[in-house]
C-alpha atoms as a PDB file:
ATOM      1  CA  UNK A   1       0.000   0.000   0.000  1.00  0.00           C
ATOM      2  CA  UNK A   2       1.248   3.507  -0.776  1.00  0.00           C
ATOM      3  CA  UNK A   3       0.633   6.904   0.761  1.00  0.00           C
ATOM      4  CA  UNK A   4       1.246  10.524  -0.210  1.00  0.00           C
ATOM      5  CA  UNK A   5       2.695  12.535   2.653  1.00  0.00           C
ATOM      6  CA  UNK A   6       3.593  16.189   3.041  1.00  0.00           C
ATOM      7  CA  UNK A   7       6.695  17.413   4.880  1.00  0.00           C
ATOM      8  CA  UNK A   8       9.003  20.369   4.443  1.00  0.00           C
ATOM      9  CA  UNK A   9       6.665  21.962   1.886  1.00  0.00           C
ATOM     10  CA  UNK A  10       6.976  18.991  -0.479  1.00  0.00           C
ATOM     11  CA  UNK A  11       4.879  15.910  -1.202  1.00  0.00           C
ATOM     12  CA  UNK A  12       6.261  12.358  -1.401  1.00  0.00           C
ATOM     13  CA  UNK A  13       4.632   9.150  -2.650  1.00  0.00           C
ATOM     14  CA  UNK A  14       5.942   6.398  -0.359  1.00  0.00           C
ATOM     15  CA  UNK A  15       5.456   2.753   0.569  1.00  0.00           C
ATOM     16  CA  UNK A  16       7.079   0.524   3.184  1.00  0.00           C
ATOM     17  CA  UNK A  17      10.825   0.141   2.659  1.00  0.00           C
ATOM     18  CA  UNK A  18      11.387   3.416   0.728  1.00  0.00           C
ATOM     19  CA  UNK A  19      14.353   5.627   1.643  1.00  0.00           C
ATOM     20  CA  UNK A  20      13.674   9.379   1.465  1.00  0.00           C
ATOM     21  CA  UNK A  21      15.748  12.547   1.685  1.00  0.00           C
ATOM     22  CA  UNK A  22      13.474  15.138   3.320  1.00  0.00           C
ATOM     23  CA  UNK A  23      14.047  18.627   4.711  1.00  0.00           C
ATOM     24  CA  UNK A  24      15.836  18.556   8.066  1.00  0.00           C
ATOM     25  CA  UNK A  25      13.764  17.094  10.898  1.00  0.00           C
ATOM     26  CA  UNK A  26      14.329  17.446  14.629  1.00  0.00           C
ATOM     27  CA  UNK A  27      15.350  13.809  15.234  1.00  0.00           C
ATOM     28  CA  UNK A  28      18.532  11.810  15.779  1.00  0.00           C
ATOM     29  CA  UNK A  29      19.749   8.741  13.895  1.00  0.00           C
ATOM     30  CA  UNK A  30      17.974   5.540  14.940  1.00  0.00           C
ATOM     31  CA  UNK A  31      14.899   7.349  16.256  1.00  0.00           C
ATOM     32  CA  UNK A  32      11.425   6.324  15.069  1.00  0.00           C
ATOM     33  CA  UNK A  33       9.204   9.158  13.797  1.00  0.00           C
ATOM     34  CA  UNK A  34       5.711   9.472  12.374  1.00  0.00           C
ATOM     35  CA  UNK A  35       4.453  11.717   9.564  1.00  0.00           C
ATOM     36  CA  UNK A  36       0.873  12.785  10.311  1.00  0.00           C
ATOM     37  CA  UNK A  37       0.182  15.026   7.285  1.00  0.00           C
ATOM     38  CA  UNK A  38      -1.099  12.334   4.924  1.00  0.00           C
ATOM     39  CA  UNK A  39      -2.871  13.489   1.757  1.00  0.00           C
ATOM     40  CA  UNK A  40      -3.750  10.040   0.393  1.00  0.00           C
ATOM     41  CA  UNK A  41      -3.589   6.400   1.527  1.00  0.00           C
ATOM     42  CA  UNK A  42      -4.247   3.719  -1.081  1.00  0.00           C
ATOM     43  CA  UNK A  43      -7.518   4.788  -2.686  1.00  0.00           C
ATOM     44  CA  UNK A  44      -8.607   7.084   0.174  1.00  0.00           C
ATOM     45  CA  UNK A  45      -8.130  10.742  -0.734  1.00  0.00           C
ATOM     46  CA  UNK A  46      -8.155  13.278   2.099  1.00  0.00           C
ATOM     47  CA  UNK A  47      -9.926  16.604   2.134  1.00  0.00           C
ATOM     48  CA  UNK A  48      -7.234  17.951   2.631  1.00  0.00           C
ATOM     49  CA  UNK A  49      -5.751  15.314   5.007  1.00  0.00           C
ATOM     50  CA  UNK A  50      -6.773  11.721   5.736  1.00  0.00           C
ATOM     51  CA  UNK A  51      -7.937  11.585   9.366  1.00  0.00           C
ATOM     52  CA  UNK A  52      -6.139   9.015  11.533  1.00  0.00           C
ATOM     53  CA  UNK A  53      -3.614   8.040   8.847  1.00  0.00           C
ATOM     54  CA  UNK A  54       0.161   8.172   9.316  1.00  0.00           C
ATOM     55  CA  UNK A  55       3.452   6.982   7.896  1.00  0.00           C
ATOM     56  CA  UNK A  56       6.040   5.687  10.339  1.00  0.00           C
ATOM     57  CA  UNK A  57       9.739   5.915   9.502  1.00  0.00           C
ATOM     58  CA  UNK A  58      13.143   5.410  11.035  1.00  0.00           C
ATOM     59  CA  UNK A  59      15.777   8.155  10.850  1.00  0.00           C
ATOM     60  CA  UNK A  60      18.934   6.847   9.185  1.00  0.00           C
ATOM     61  CA  UNK A  61      21.132   9.958   9.274  1.00  0.00           C
ATOM     62  CA  UNK A  62      21.324  13.763   9.128  1.00  0.00           C
ATOM     63  CA  UNK A  63      23.112  14.706   5.887  1.00  0.00           C
ATOM     64  CA  UNK A  64      23.852  17.663   3.631  1.00  0.00           C
ATOM     65  CA  UNK A  65      22.722  17.856   0.021  1.00  0.00           C
ATOM     66  CA  UNK A  66      24.828  18.641  -3.026  1.00  0.00           C
ATOM     67  CA  UNK A  67      26.463  22.064  -3.172  1.00  0.00           C
ATOM     68  CA  UNK A  68      24.612  24.616  -5.255  1.00  0.00           C
ATOM     69  CA  UNK A  69      26.649  27.549  -6.516  1.00  0.00           C
ATOM     70  CA  UNK A  70      25.092  30.940  -7.093  1.00  0.00           C
ATOM     71  CA  UNK A  71      27.230  33.210  -9.305  1.00  0.00           C
ATOM     72  CA  UNK A  72      26.352  36.830 -10.036  1.00  0.00           C
ATOM     73  CA  UNK A  73      28.236  39.130 -12.396  1.00  0.00           C
ATOM     74  CA  UNK A  74      26.695  42.567 -12.494  1.00  0.00           C
ATOM     75  CA  UNK A  75      27.952  45.003 -15.181  1.00  0.00           C
ATOM     76  CA  UNK A  76      30.774  44.854 -17.613  1.00  0.00           C
ATOM     77  CA  UNK A  77      33.973  46.828 -16.881  1.00  0.00           C
ATOM     78  CA  UNK A  78      33.215  46.997 -13.149  1.00  0.00           C
ATOM     79  CA  UNK A  79      34.606  43.662 -11.888  1.00  0.00           C
ATOM     80  CA  UNK A  80      31.630  43.146  -9.578  1.00  0.00           C
ATOM     81  CA  UNK A  81      31.293  39.404  -9.036  1.00  0.00           C
ATOM     82  CA  UNK A  82      29.882  37.247  -6.258  1.00  0.00           C
ATOM     83  CA  UNK A  83      30.006  33.493  -5.772  1.00  0.00           C
ATOM     84  CA  UNK A  84      27.987  31.888  -2.982  1.00  0.00           C
ATOM     85  CA  UNK A  85      27.635  28.191  -2.243  1.00  0.00           C
ATOM     86  CA  UNK A  86      24.945  26.437  -0.225  1.00  0.00           C
ATOM     87  CA  UNK A  87      24.388  22.879   1.026  1.00  0.00           C
ATOM     88  CA  UNK A  88      20.877  22.130   2.249  1.00  0.00           C
ATOM     89  CA  UNK A  89      20.507  20.175   5.506  1.00  0.00           C
ATOM     90  CA  UNK A  90      18.525  16.969   4.925  1.00  0.00           C
ATOM     91  CA  UNK A  91      17.316  13.989   6.936  1.00  0.00           C
ATOM     92  CA  UNK A  92      17.576  10.491   5.494  1.00  0.00           C
ATOM     93  CA  UNK A  93      14.610   8.312   6.568  1.00  0.00           C
ATOM     94  CA  UNK A  94      13.442   4.758   5.806  1.00  0.00           C
ATOM     95  CA  UNK A  95       9.674   4.214   5.724  1.00  0.00           C
ATOM     96  CA  UNK A  96       8.748   1.280   7.960  1.00  0.00           C
ATOM     97  CA  UNK A  97       4.948   1.289   8.006  1.00  0.00           C
ATOM     98  CA  UNK A  98       1.906   2.949   6.393  1.00  0.00           C
ATOM     99  CA  UNK A  99      -1.087   3.206   8.767  1.00  0.00           C
ATOM    100  CA  UNK A 100      -4.604   3.849   7.471  1.00  0.00           C
ATOM    101  CA  UNK A 101      -6.104   4.183  10.961  1.00  0.00           C
ATOM    102  CA  UNK A 102      -4.998   4.476  14.564  1.00  0.00           C
ATOM    103  CA  UNK A 103      -2.119   6.882  14.095  1.00  0.00           C
ATOM    104  CA  UNK A 104      -3.023   8.866  17.206  1.00  0.00           C
ATOM    105  CA  UNK A 105      -2.735   5.744  19.416  1.00  0.00           C
ATOM    106  CA  UNK A 106       0.641   4.601  18.096  1.00  0.00           C
ATOM    107  CA  UNK A 107       2.738   6.552  20.631  1.00  0.00           C
ATOM    108  CA  UNK A 108       5.471   7.366  18.083  1.00  0.00           C
ATOM    109  CA  UNK A 109       7.055  10.842  18.052  1.00  0.00           C
ATOM    110  CA  UNK A 110       5.623  13.145  15.360  1.00  0.00           C
ATOM    111  CA  UNK A 111       8.070  14.338  12.716  1.00  0.00           C
ATOM    112  CA  UNK A 112       8.613  18.076  13.074  1.00  0.00           C
ATOM    113  CA  UNK A 113      11.019  20.308  11.213  1.00  0.00           C
ATOM    114  CA  UNK A 114      13.671  22.328  12.961  1.00  0.00           C
ATOM    115  CA  UNK A 115      11.727  25.597  12.660  1.00  0.00           C
ATOM    116  CA  UNK A 116       8.703  24.028  14.348  1.00  0.00           C
ATOM    117  CA  UNK A 117      10.985  22.539  17.003  1.00  0.00           C
ATOM    118  CA  UNK A 118      12.340  25.997  17.835  1.00  0.00           C
ATOM    119  CA  UNK A 119       8.791  27.320  18.288  1.00  0.00           C
ATOM    120  CA  UNK A 120       7.897  24.428  20.590  1.00  0.00           C
ATOM    121  CA  UNK A 121      11.083  24.940  22.599  1.00  0.00           C
ATOM    122  CA  UNK A 122      10.214  28.585  23.157  1.00  0.00           C
ATOM    123  CA  UNK A 123       6.740  27.616  24.375  1.00  0.00           C
ATOM    124  CA  UNK A 124       8.098  24.969  26.776  1.00  0.00           C
ATOM    125  CA  UNK A 125       7.399  25.399  30.523  1.00  0.00           C
ATOM    126  CA  UNK A 126      11.064  26.168  31.276  1.00  0.00           C
ATOM    127  CA  UNK A 127      11.044  28.898  28.654  1.00  0.00           C
ATOM    128  CA  UNK A 128       8.395  30.841  30.605  1.00  0.00           C
ATOM    129  CA  UNK A 129      11.068  31.974  33.054  1.00  0.00           C
ATOM    130  CA  UNK A 130      13.291  33.186  30.251  1.00  0.00           C
ATOM    131  CA  UNK A 131      10.371  34.881  28.486  1.00  0.00           C
ATOM    132  CA  UNK A 132       9.487  36.953  31.580  1.00  0.00           C
ATOM    133  CA  UNK A 133      11.086  40.369  31.171  1.00  0.00           C
ATOM    134  CA  UNK A 134      13.910  40.888  33.594  1.00  0.00           C
ATOM    135  CA  UNK A 135      14.000  44.081  35.660  1.00  0.00           C
ATOM    136  CA  UNK A 136      15.989  46.727  33.840  1.00  0.00           C
ATOM    137  CA  UNK A 137      19.128  47.846  35.597  1.00  0.00           C
ATOM    138  CA  UNK A 138      19.221  51.452  36.763  1.00  0.00           C
ATOM    139  CA  UNK A 139      20.566  53.824  34.147  1.00  0.00           C
ATOM    140  CA  UNK A 140      24.173  54.811  34.590  1.00  0.00           C
ATOM    141  CA  UNK A 141      24.763  58.344  35.815  1.00  0.00           C
ATOM    142  CA  UNK A 142      26.350  60.591  33.206  1.00  0.00           C
ATOM    143  CA  UNK A 143      30.117  60.757  33.403  1.00  0.00           C
ATOM    144  CA  UNK A 144      30.261  64.572  33.021  1.00  0.00           C
ATOM    145  CA  UNK A 145      29.189  65.474  36.601  1.00  0.00           C
ATOM    146  CA  UNK A 146      31.659  62.944  37.977  1.00  0.00           C
ATOM    147  CA  UNK A 147      34.439  64.456  35.865  1.00  0.00           C
ATOM    148  CA  UNK A 148      33.631  67.976  37.131  1.00  0.00           C
ATOM    149  CA  UNK A 149      33.818  66.748  40.707  1.00  0.00           C
ATOM    150  CA  UNK A 150      37.268  65.340  39.983  1.00  0.00           C
ATOM    151  CA  UNK A 151      38.490  68.800  38.916  1.00  0.00           C
ATOM    152  CA  UNK A 152      38.409  68.279  35.149  1.00  0.00           C
ATOM    153  CA  UNK A 153      37.432  71.258  33.000  1.00  0.00           C
ATOM    154  CA  UNK A 154      33.816  71.400  31.865  1.00  0.00           C
ATOM    155  CA  UNK A 155      32.906  70.875  28.228  1.00  0.00           C
ATOM    156  CA  UNK A 156      32.288  73.866  25.973  1.00  0.00           C
ATOM    157  CA  UNK A 157      28.640  74.677  25.427  1.00  0.00           C
ATOM    158  CA  UNK A 158      27.377  73.899  21.932  1.00  0.00           C
ATOM    159  CA  UNK A 159      26.911  76.750  19.456  1.00  0.00           C
ATOM    160  CA  UNK A 160      23.433  78.078  19.003  1.00  0.00           C
ATOM    161  CA  UNK A 161      21.905  78.003  15.537  1.00  0.00           C
ATOM    162  CA  UNK A 162      22.273  81.222  13.525  1.00  0.00           C
ATOM    163  CA  UNK A 163      19.090  83.238  13.173  1.00  0.00           C
ATOM    164  CA  UNK A 164      17.649  83.338   9.675  1.00  0.00           C
ATOM    165  CA  UNK A 165      18.468  86.567   7.869  1.00  0.00           C
ATOM    166  CA  UNK A 166      15.489  88.632   6.849  1.00  0.00           C
ATOM    167  CA  UNK A 167      15.121  88.995   3.082  1.00  0.00           C
ATOM    168  CA  UNK A 168      14.164  92.413   1.712  1.00  0.00           C
END
């Protein structure tokens, strides 16, 4: 049986035993995860998702994709060139099981991306202490009065703006 799942903004048609390279997930190698955003299972099409369906997978490794090179040359005779490279972070997973029903009772960790993991971490109970605004320290007293007390000469007053000349 096959399923169509959605993760990392992409859709994948999978069946048991497939190995996928998906956008980076918040999981370590050897961990079992579950994809809950299932668009289709067998002949059942979701509207937009199939309720209770899931795809379980095992994380093989966290890898980087091929290097993509972005080269920009702006105008002739100006020697303005830029070369930037990028390697996308990916997670290698092996699909172990396709579930039509009972995904909520399986007890397997849901697959979440790293951005979603950061949001969850900020909403964690321990993060409430860090989120509470700390009392601001008292403002430092200006150094000028302290310098005058030490016998240093005072600063010159700033010049006043010139008055506008009347036009006749």
